[in-house]
Amino acid sequence: MEQPHDYYEMKRKPLTVTINASKRLLSSTGMQSQPLPYLPDELIREILLRLPARSLLRLRRVCTSWKSLISSSQFAKDHLQHSTAADPSLSGPRVAYHHSCHYGFGDFSLRSLIENSSKPTEVVLFEERRNYMVIGSCNGLLCLLFDVGFNTCVRLWNPCTGLLTTLSVECGNFLSVRGFGYDHVNDKYKFVVIVKHTGKYTTRIYTFCRNPSKRAIQGIPFSSIKGDGKGVFVPGTATLNWIRSHAILGCLVFSLDLVKETFSEFSLPLNDPDDKTFIFPQLCVLRNCLAYCFNHEKTHWFLWVMKEYGVPKSWTKLAVIPCHPCLSNYHFRPLYIWGNNILVAVALTSKIVLFSLDNGSFEFPVLKPTPSIGLYVFIYHESLVSPPDPDLPSSSSQIQLIKP
């Protein structure tokens, strides 16, 4: 079903495809060949599931049946699941960034960055989105913040398809503690943030769905949250995760279940009880698992991966990364593991770093036209997933939708 124009806006011009009329093949004797074999719909669907998202956007114009199939929400979900599980490079992993100082917003291909690291990687700049801040990614959607006066707009955008929705969040002043994730049980995207209202701090959860809603939930202990405050979403677990300090236990993982909307805590990897020198702890996601990275005496970064979510005994040390002279010792944020041995990370110097888990070597790819991407960096996979369909709220307690 076509979406209303006041809800979606396209970033790119519509793609067109020229379809040549099929030609009949002639045999060597000059006689007409047999008709081309017929492909059943089930086989066509399986073939299309194995194509990149950008190719499928063009193939929607082949015929009405293909357009209907490719445009369906179920096909989009199946395509995303198949492409990320079978071959992550097929889903087109890209790096989206926002530079808060230079007001730059763009993305670039992770595949191009790694396979052609000796050549500058082309950056696609989103000039019309330059004032947006990326705060999370999930299923090919980017969660964006955009300030309008005293209101903060929260928008979901699919850069591949260009579909964008706008959600007005009336929160006045909000803190940096926030997060974006997907509740796969109820098929809903949720944005969590701490807001300051009438002098009191409240944790609110905003749900993107046909009837968008907001409500207060159990409070996040924001004063003890460490790092930049961005909750880390772990795919398949429906959880947002932060690191919080504890007076007795040191640092813990503070986890929000987006399905039950309740909190829990579990421990980080055990350290030497006499060693109090580990600094700059942060969470990330590697191979769809929760990961933990911290700096030790400004000489090495230790990287751990949690094989089984929520089970502290499953923490496994993945790598010990030396602090390189070209990098700042204060920040090293892992982003992605390409194949089995290339760790992609971003440093405080706003450089993209490629670290070999096999031999410990570093590479520093060059981006053009921007030399600096800042620290608001997220990996997303190109997909056909659309933002939730809009439906005007029926009560004043719900969030109001406004035009982009």
Protein backbone atom coordinates (compact mmCIF):
# COMPACT_ATOMS: atom_id res chain seq x y z
CA MET A 1 0.00 0.00 0.00
CA GLU A 2 1.39 3.43 -0.93
CA GLN A 3 2.38 5.58 2.04
CA PRO A 4 1.08 9.16 2.38
CA HIS A 5 3.49 11.78 1.05
CA ASP A 6 3.41 13.81 4.25
CA TYR A 7 4.92 10.89 6.13
CA TYR A 8 7.68 9.59 3.95
CA GLU A 9 10.19 11.58 1.99
CA MET A 10 12.66 10.16 -0.46
CA LYS A 11 16.35 10.93 -0.13
CA ARG A 12 17.20 9.79 -3.61
CA LYS A 13 15.43 10.13 -6.94
CA PRO A 14 13.34 7.11 -7.95
CA LEU A 15 15.42 4.39 -9.55
CA THR A 16 14.55 3.35 -13.09
CA VAL A 17 15.19 0.17 -15.00
CA THR A 18 15.13 -0.35 -18.75
CA ILE A 19 13.69 -3.71 -19.59
CA ASN A 20 14.45 -5.05 -23.04
CA ALA A 21 11.85 -7.15 -24.73
CA SER A 22 12.77 -10.82 -24.64
CA LYS A 23 14.12 -12.25 -27.87
CA ARG A 24 13.45 -15.70 -29.23
CA LEU A 25 16.54 -17.75 -29.78
CA LEU A 26 17.08 -19.39 -33.15
CA SER A 27 18.75 -22.73 -33.58
CA SER A 28 21.59 -23.36 -36.03
CA THR A 29 19.01 -24.60 -38.54
CA GLY A 30 17.14 -21.31 -38.36
CA MET A 31 14.11 -22.84 -36.66
CA GLN A 32 12.49 -21.16 -33.67
CA SER A 33 13.68 -22.48 -30.29
CA GLN A 34 11.46 -23.73 -27.50
CA PRO A 35 9.97 -21.14 -25.07
CA LEU A 36 12.14 -20.12 -22.16
CA PRO A 37 11.64 -22.33 -19.08
CA TYR A 38 9.10 -21.22 -16.49
CA LEU A 39 10.27 -20.36 -12.99
CA PRO A 40 7.76 -20.97 -10.19
CA ASP A 41 7.06 -18.09 -7.79
CA GLU A 42 8.71 -19.93 -4.90
CA LEU A 43 11.99 -20.20 -6.80
CA ILE A 44 11.86 -16.55 -7.90
CA ARG A 45 11.40 -15.53 -4.26
CA GLU A 46 14.41 -17.58 -3.18
CA ILE A 47 16.53 -15.98 -5.89
CA LEU A 48 15.46 -12.46 -4.95
CA LEU A 49 16.23 -13.11 -1.28
CA ARG A 50 19.86 -13.58 -2.27
CA LEU A 51 20.26 -10.18 -3.94
CA PRO A 52 21.49 -6.94 -2.31
CA ALA A 53 18.86 -4.47 -1.12
CA ARG A 54 19.87 -1.81 -3.65
CA SER A 55 19.42 -4.23 -6.54
CA LEU A 56 15.96 -5.17 -5.27
CA LEU A 57 14.90 -1.52 -5.30
CA ARG A 58 15.48 -1.46 -9.06
CA LEU A 59 13.88 -4.85 -9.62
CA ARG A 60 10.56 -3.61 -8.19
CA ARG A 61 9.95 -2.08 -11.63
CA VAL A 62 10.23 -5.36 -13.51
CA CYS A 63 6.58 -6.29 -13.04
CA THR A 64 3.62 -5.84 -10.70
CA SER A 65 4.10 -9.18 -8.97
CA TRP A 66 7.77 -8.45 -8.21
CA LYS A 67 6.88 -5.01 -6.90
CA SER A 68 4.25 -6.49 -4.61
CA LEU A 69 6.64 -9.17 -3.34
CA ILE A 70 9.67 -6.95 -2.78
CA SER A 71 7.56 -4.22 -1.15
CA SER A 72 6.00 -6.56 1.41
CA SER A 73 7.12 -6.23 5.03
CA GLN A 74 7.55 -10.01 5.41
CA PHE A 75 9.89 -10.17 2.42
CA ALA A 76 11.92 -7.28 3.91
CA LYS A 77 12.31 -9.16 7.20
CA ASP A 78 13.20 -12.44 5.48
CA HIS A 79 15.70 -10.68 3.22
CA LEU A 80 17.44 -8.97 6.14
CA GLN A 81 17.62 -12.20 8.13
CA HIS A 82 18.95 -14.18 5.17
CA SER A 83 21.53 -11.63 4.04
CA THR A 84 23.02 -10.98 7.49
CA ALA A 85 23.08 -14.67 8.44
CA ALA A 86 24.36 -16.12 5.17
CA ASP A 87 26.76 -13.40 4.00
CA PRO A 88 27.05 -10.10 5.88
CA SER A 89 28.74 -8.48 2.90
CA LEU A 90 25.56 -9.09 0.84
CA SER A 91 23.55 -6.87 3.19
CA GLY A 92 25.95 -4.02 2.50
CA PRO A 93 27.25 -3.13 5.98
CA ARG A 94 27.92 0.60 6.05
CA VAL A 95 29.34 3.01 8.59
CA ALA A 96 27.06 5.95 9.43
CA TYR A 97 28.52 8.88 11.33
CA HIS A 98 27.65 12.30 12.68
CA HIS A 99 30.27 14.90 13.57
CA SER A 100 28.81 17.18 16.23
CA CYS A 101 31.45 19.91 15.71
CA HIS A 102 31.55 20.02 11.92
CA TYR A 103 27.83 19.29 11.48
CA GLY A 104 28.67 16.54 9.03
CA PHE A 105 26.45 13.53 8.44
CA GLY A 106 27.21 10.73 6.02
CA ASP A 107 28.13 7.12 5.51
CA PHE A 108 30.52 4.88 3.58
CA SER A 109 30.85 1.25 2.55
CA LEU A 110 32.61 -1.04 4.98
CA ARG A 111 33.43 -3.46 2.18
CA SER A 112 35.13 -0.75 0.15
CA LEU A 113 37.03 0.44 3.21
CA ILE A 114 38.52 -2.99 3.89
CA GLU A 115 39.03 -4.40 0.40
CA ASN A 116 40.55 -1.14 -0.92
CA SER A 117 42.19 0.22 2.22
CA SER A 118 45.10 1.65 0.19
CA LYS A 119 42.74 3.95 -1.72
CA PRO A 120 40.57 6.73 -0.25
CA THR A 121 37.05 5.51 0.52
CA GLU A 122 34.26 7.64 -0.90
CA VAL A 123 31.91 9.12 1.71
CA VAL A 124 28.27 9.82 0.88
CA LEU A 125 27.28 13.07 2.56
CA PHE A 126 23.65 13.59 3.63
CA GLU A 127 23.56 17.36 3.28
CA GLU A 128 19.82 17.56 3.92
CA ARG A 129 20.35 15.71 7.22
CA ARG A 130 23.47 17.56 8.38
CA ASN A 131 21.81 18.82 11.58
CA TYR A 132 20.72 15.34 12.66
CA MET A 133 22.48 13.24 15.28
CA VAL A 134 22.67 9.46 14.89
CA ILE A 135 21.95 7.77 18.21
CA GLY A 136 21.39 4.16 17.16
CA SER A 137 20.82 1.67 14.37
CA CYS A 138 18.77 -1.50 14.00
CA ASN A 139 17.53 -3.59 11.05
CA GLY A 140 18.78 -1.06 8.52
CA LEU A 141 17.07 1.87 10.27
CA LEU A 142 18.91 4.80 11.81
CA CYS A 143 17.46 6.57 14.84
CA LEU A 144 18.03 10.32 14.48
CA LEU A 145 17.67 13.28 16.82
CA PHE A 146 16.77 16.74 15.59
CA ASP A 147 16.11 19.74 17.83
CA VAL A 148 13.25 22.11 17.06
CA GLY A 149 13.11 24.88 19.64
CA PHE A 150 12.58 23.23 23.01
CA ASN A 151 11.34 20.01 21.44
CA THR A 152 13.43 17.09 20.28
CA CYS A 153 12.31 15.17 17.22
CA VAL A 154 13.10 11.49 17.07
CA ARG A 155 13.06 10.05 13.57
CA LEU A 156 13.58 6.63 12.04
CA TRP A 157 15.22 6.66 8.62
CA ASN A 158 16.19 3.96 6.15
CA PRO A 159 19.08 5.45 4.12
CA CYS A 160 18.80 2.69 1.51
CA THR A 161 15.14 3.26 0.62
CA GLY A 162 15.00 6.90 1.72
CA LEU A 163 11.92 6.36 3.90
CA LEU A 164 11.75 8.70 6.88
CA THR A 165 9.26 9.20 9.68
CA THR A 166 9.08 12.01 12.19
CA LEU A 167 8.18 11.66 15.85
CA SER A 168 7.97 14.73 18.08
CA VAL A 169 9.26 14.10 21.60
CA GLU A 170 8.08 16.80 24.02
CA CYS A 171 10.76 16.40 26.66
CA GLY A 172 12.18 19.88 27.18
CA ASN A 173 15.62 19.05 28.57
CA PHE A 174 16.90 15.50 28.34
CA LEU A 175 20.15 13.94 29.48
CA SER A 176 22.71 12.13 27.39
CA VAL A 177 21.55 8.74 28.72
CA ARG A 178 19.47 7.22 25.93
CA GLY A 179 19.15 4.21 23.64
CA PHE A 180 17.34 2.77 20.61
CA GLY A 181 16.41 -0.86 20.01
CA TYR A 182 13.95 -3.40 18.64
CA ASP A 183 11.43 -5.48 20.56
CA HIS A 184 11.25 -8.52 18.24
CA VAL A 185 8.54 -10.20 20.36
CA ASN A 186 6.03 -7.40 19.74
CA ASP A 187 7.65 -6.14 16.50
CA LYS A 188 8.15 -2.61 17.83
CA TYR A 189 11.01 -0.14 17.80
CA LYS A 190 11.63 1.73 21.05
CA PHE A 191 13.55 4.82 22.09
CA VAL A 192 14.54 5.22 25.75
CA VAL A 193 15.69 8.49 27.30
CA ILE A 194 15.99 10.23 30.67
CA VAL A 195 14.14 13.56 30.71
CA LYS A 196 14.03 16.41 33.18
CA HIS A 197 10.50 17.62 33.80
CA THR A 198 9.46 20.10 36.52
CA GLY A 199 12.78 19.56 38.25
CA LYS A 200 12.45 15.77 38.36
CA TYR A 201 14.26 13.14 36.32
CA THR A 202 12.10 10.52 34.62
CA THR A 203 12.98 7.56 32.40
CA ARG A 204 10.62 7.41 29.43
CA ILE A 205 10.21 4.85 26.71
CA TYR A 206 8.77 5.87 23.34
CA THR A 207 7.30 3.21 21.09
CA PHE A 208 7.21 3.56 17.30
CA CYS A 209 4.08 1.78 16.06
CA ARG A 210 0.67 2.49 14.51
CA ASN A 211 -0.37 4.19 17.75
CA PRO A 212 2.89 5.75 19.02
CA SER A 213 3.05 5.97 22.80
CA LYS A 214 5.22 7.24 25.62
CA ARG A 215 5.26 6.21 29.25
CA ALA A 216 7.43 6.39 32.33
CA ILE A 217 9.26 3.26 33.44
CA GLN A 218 11.56 2.28 36.29
CA GLY A 219 14.33 4.86 36.46
CA ILE A 220 17.84 4.44 35.08
CA PRO A 221 20.47 5.42 37.71
CA PHE A 222 21.86 8.06 35.35
CA SER A 223 24.36 9.46 37.86
CA SER A 224 26.23 6.15 37.88
CA ILE A 225 26.18 5.52 34.12
CA LYS A 226 29.70 5.63 32.68
CA GLY A 227 30.83 6.69 29.22
CA ASP A 228 28.79 8.62 26.66
CA GLY A 229 25.42 7.31 27.91
CA LYS A 230 24.37 5.62 24.67
CA GLY A 231 22.68 2.31 25.35
CA VAL A 232 24.11 -0.60 23.33
CA PHE A 233 21.46 -2.73 21.60
CA VAL A 234 22.24 -6.45 21.32
CA PRO A 235 20.36 -8.11 18.39
CA GLY A 236 18.20 -11.08 19.29
CA THR A 237 18.08 -10.22 23.00
CA ALA A 238 15.80 -7.13 22.84
CA THR A 239 18.03 -5.41 25.39
CA LEU A 240 19.75 -2.05 25.79
CA ASN A 241 22.91 -2.09 27.88
CA TRP A 242 24.99 0.46 29.77
CA ILE A 243 27.97 0.29 32.15
CA ARG A 244 27.26 1.62 35.61
CA SER A 245 29.55 2.06 38.57
CA HIS A 246 28.84 0.30 41.85
CA ALA A 247 30.28 1.31 45.21
CA ILE A 248 31.17 -2.28 46.16
CA LEU A 249 31.20 -4.35 42.97
CA GLY A 250 32.99 -1.83 40.76
CA CYS A 251 31.42 -1.77 37.28
CA LEU A 252 28.35 -3.74 36.18
CA VAL A 253 26.28 -4.13 33.03
CA PHE A 254 22.94 -2.39 33.49
CA SER A 255 20.44 -4.02 31.12
CA LEU A 256 16.95 -2.93 30.01
CA ASP A 257 14.65 -5.62 28.62
CA LEU A 258 12.63 -3.87 25.89
CA VAL A 259 9.94 -6.57 25.96
CA LYS A 260 9.20 -6.57 29.70
CA GLU A 261 10.52 -3.01 30.15
CA THR A 262 12.36 -4.04 33.30
CA PHE A 263 15.99 -3.76 34.37
CA SER A 264 18.60 -6.26 35.51
CA GLU A 265 22.34 -6.29 36.19
CA PHE A 266 25.22 -8.70 35.68
CA SER A 267 28.97 -8.58 36.12
CA LEU A 268 31.73 -7.69 33.69
CA PRO A 269 34.84 -9.87 33.21
CA LEU A 270 36.74 -10.30 36.44
CA ASN A 271 39.91 -8.28 36.80
CA ASP A 272 42.83 -8.55 39.17
CA PRO A 273 41.38 -7.26 42.48
CA ASP A 274 44.63 -5.35 43.10
CA ASP A 275 44.57 -3.77 39.66
CA LYS A 276 42.57 -0.53 39.73
CA THR A 277 44.13 0.95 36.61
CA PHE A 278 41.64 -0.09 33.92
CA ILE A 279 39.95 3.00 32.51
CA PHE A 280 37.53 4.15 29.82
CA PRO A 281 35.30 1.03 29.94
CA GLN A 282 32.72 0.77 27.17
CA LEU A 283 30.29 -1.69 25.64
CA CYS A 284 29.81 -2.54 21.97
CA VAL A 285 28.44 -5.35 19.78
CA LEU A 286 30.67 -7.74 17.85
CA ARG A 287 29.34 -10.74 15.91
CA ASN A 288 25.90 -10.01 17.41
CA CYS A 289 27.32 -10.52 20.91
CA LEU A 290 27.76 -8.02 23.72
CA ALA A 291 31.42 -6.97 23.94
CA TYR A 292 33.41 -5.06 26.52
CA CYS A 293 36.51 -2.95 25.93
CA PHE A 294 38.70 -1.05 28.41
CA ASN A 295 42.11 0.59 28.55
CA HIS A 296 44.82 -0.77 30.84
CA GLU A 297 47.35 1.80 32.10
CA LYS A 298 47.16 3.57 28.72
CA THR A 299 49.31 0.83 27.20
CA HIS A 300 46.78 -1.75 25.95
CA TRP A 301 43.10 -2.17 25.19
CA PHE A 302 41.49 -5.41 26.36
CA LEU A 303 38.54 -6.73 24.37
CA TRP A 304 36.10 -9.32 25.74
CA VAL A 305 33.05 -10.95 24.12
CA MET A 306 30.06 -12.44 25.95
CA LYS A 307 29.28 -15.70 24.13
CA GLU A 308 25.95 -16.24 25.93
CA TYR A 309 24.09 -13.07 26.78
CA GLY A 310 23.54 -12.47 30.50
CA VAL A 311 25.84 -15.30 31.57
CA PRO A 312 28.99 -13.79 33.15
CA LYS A 313 30.89 -17.08 32.88
CA SER A 314 30.67 -16.82 29.09
CA TRP A 315 32.91 -13.73 28.93
CA THR A 316 35.82 -14.63 26.63
CA LYS A 317 38.92 -12.54 25.99
CA LEU A 318 39.06 -11.79 22.25
CA ALA A 319 42.11 -9.55 21.89
CA VAL A 320 44.75 -7.43 23.60
CA ILE A 321 45.33 -4.34 21.46
CA PRO A 322 48.45 -2.19 22.00
CA CYS A 323 48.05 1.58 22.06
CA HIS A 324 49.43 2.82 18.74
CA PRO A 325 51.41 6.10 18.51
CA CYS A 326 48.98 7.36 15.85
CA LEU A 327 46.02 6.89 18.17
CA SER A 328 44.88 8.63 21.32
CA ASN A 329 45.09 6.45 24.40
CA TYR A 330 41.78 7.80 25.63
CA HIS A 331 39.35 6.23 23.20
CA PHE A 332 39.23 3.10 21.06
CA ARG A 333 35.73 1.97 20.15
CA PRO A 334 35.33 -1.37 18.32
CA LEU A 335 32.64 -1.32 15.61
CA TYR A 336 32.70 -4.55 13.61
CA ILE A 337 34.66 -7.71 12.86
CA TRP A 338 35.03 -8.33 9.13
CA GLY A 339 35.51 -11.99 8.32
CA ASN A 340 37.43 -13.69 11.08
CA ASN A 341 40.35 -11.40 11.61
CA ILE A 342 39.78 -7.69 10.82
CA LEU A 343 38.58 -5.52 13.70
CA VAL A 344 37.12 -2.18 12.60
CA ALA A 345 37.23 0.56 15.22
CA VAL A 346 37.11 4.33 15.61
CA ALA A 347 39.58 6.32 17.69
CA LEU A 348 39.31 9.63 19.49
CA THR A 349 41.38 11.15 16.71
CA SER A 350 38.31 10.50 14.52
CA LYS A 351 40.26 7.95 12.54
CA ILE A 352 38.94 4.63 11.32
CA VAL A 353 41.26 1.85 12.44
CA LEU A 354 41.70 -1.63 10.98
CA PHE A 355 43.39 -4.03 13.40
CA SER A 356 44.40 -7.56 12.43
CA LEU A 357 43.45 -10.07 15.09
CA ASP A 358 45.94 -12.50 13.48
CA ASN A 359 49.20 -10.54 13.45
CA GLY A 360 48.40 -7.38 15.45
CA SER A 361 49.04 -4.96 12.57
CA PHE A 362 47.27 -1.60 12.14
CA GLU A 363 45.94 0.17 9.07
CA PHE A 364 44.47 3.67 8.88
CA PRO A 365 42.25 4.01 5.78
CA VAL A 366 41.66 7.45 4.30
CA LEU A 367 38.16 8.83 3.76
CA LYS A 368 37.16 11.48 1.24
CA PRO A 369 36.00 14.16 1.23
CA THR A 370 35.95 14.24 5.05
CA PRO A 371 39.11 13.73 7.14
CA SER A 372 37.18 13.47 10.41
CA ILE A 373 34.02 11.55 11.31
CA GLY A 374 33.75 12.23 15.05
CA LEU A 375 32.69 9.65 17.62
CA TYR A 376 28.98 9.20 16.83
CA VAL A 377 29.57 6.21 14.59
CA PHE A 378 27.29 3.23 13.95
CA ILE A 379 27.30 0.15 11.73
CA TYR A 380 24.10 -0.57 9.83
CA HIS A 381 23.13 -3.13 7.20
CA GLU A 382 21.28 -1.96 4.11
CA SER A 383 17.79 -3.39 4.13
CA LEU A 384 14.28 -2.96 2.78
CA VAL A 385 12.75 -2.62 6.25
CA SER A 386 10.39 0.36 6.48
CA PRO A 387 9.73 2.55 9.51
CA PRO A 388 6.41 1.72 11.25
CA ASP A 389 3.25 2.88 9.48
CA PRO A 390 1.85 6.09 10.94
CA ASP A 391 -1.48 6.47 12.60
CA LEU A 392 -2.59 9.66 14.29
CA PRO A 393 -2.82 9.20 18.08
CA SER A 394 -6.25 9.05 19.60
CA SER A 395 -5.42 10.63 22.95
CA SER A 396 -3.40 13.59 24.18
CA SER A 397 -1.17 11.34 26.25
CA GLN A 398 0.40 9.90 23.10
CA ILE A 399 3.12 11.38 20.96
CA GLN A 400 2.06 13.66 18.15
CA LEU A 401 3.28 13.02 14.62
CA ILE A 402 4.42 16.04 12.65
CA LYS A 403 5.48 16.54 9.06
CA PRO A 404 9.21 16.29 8.27
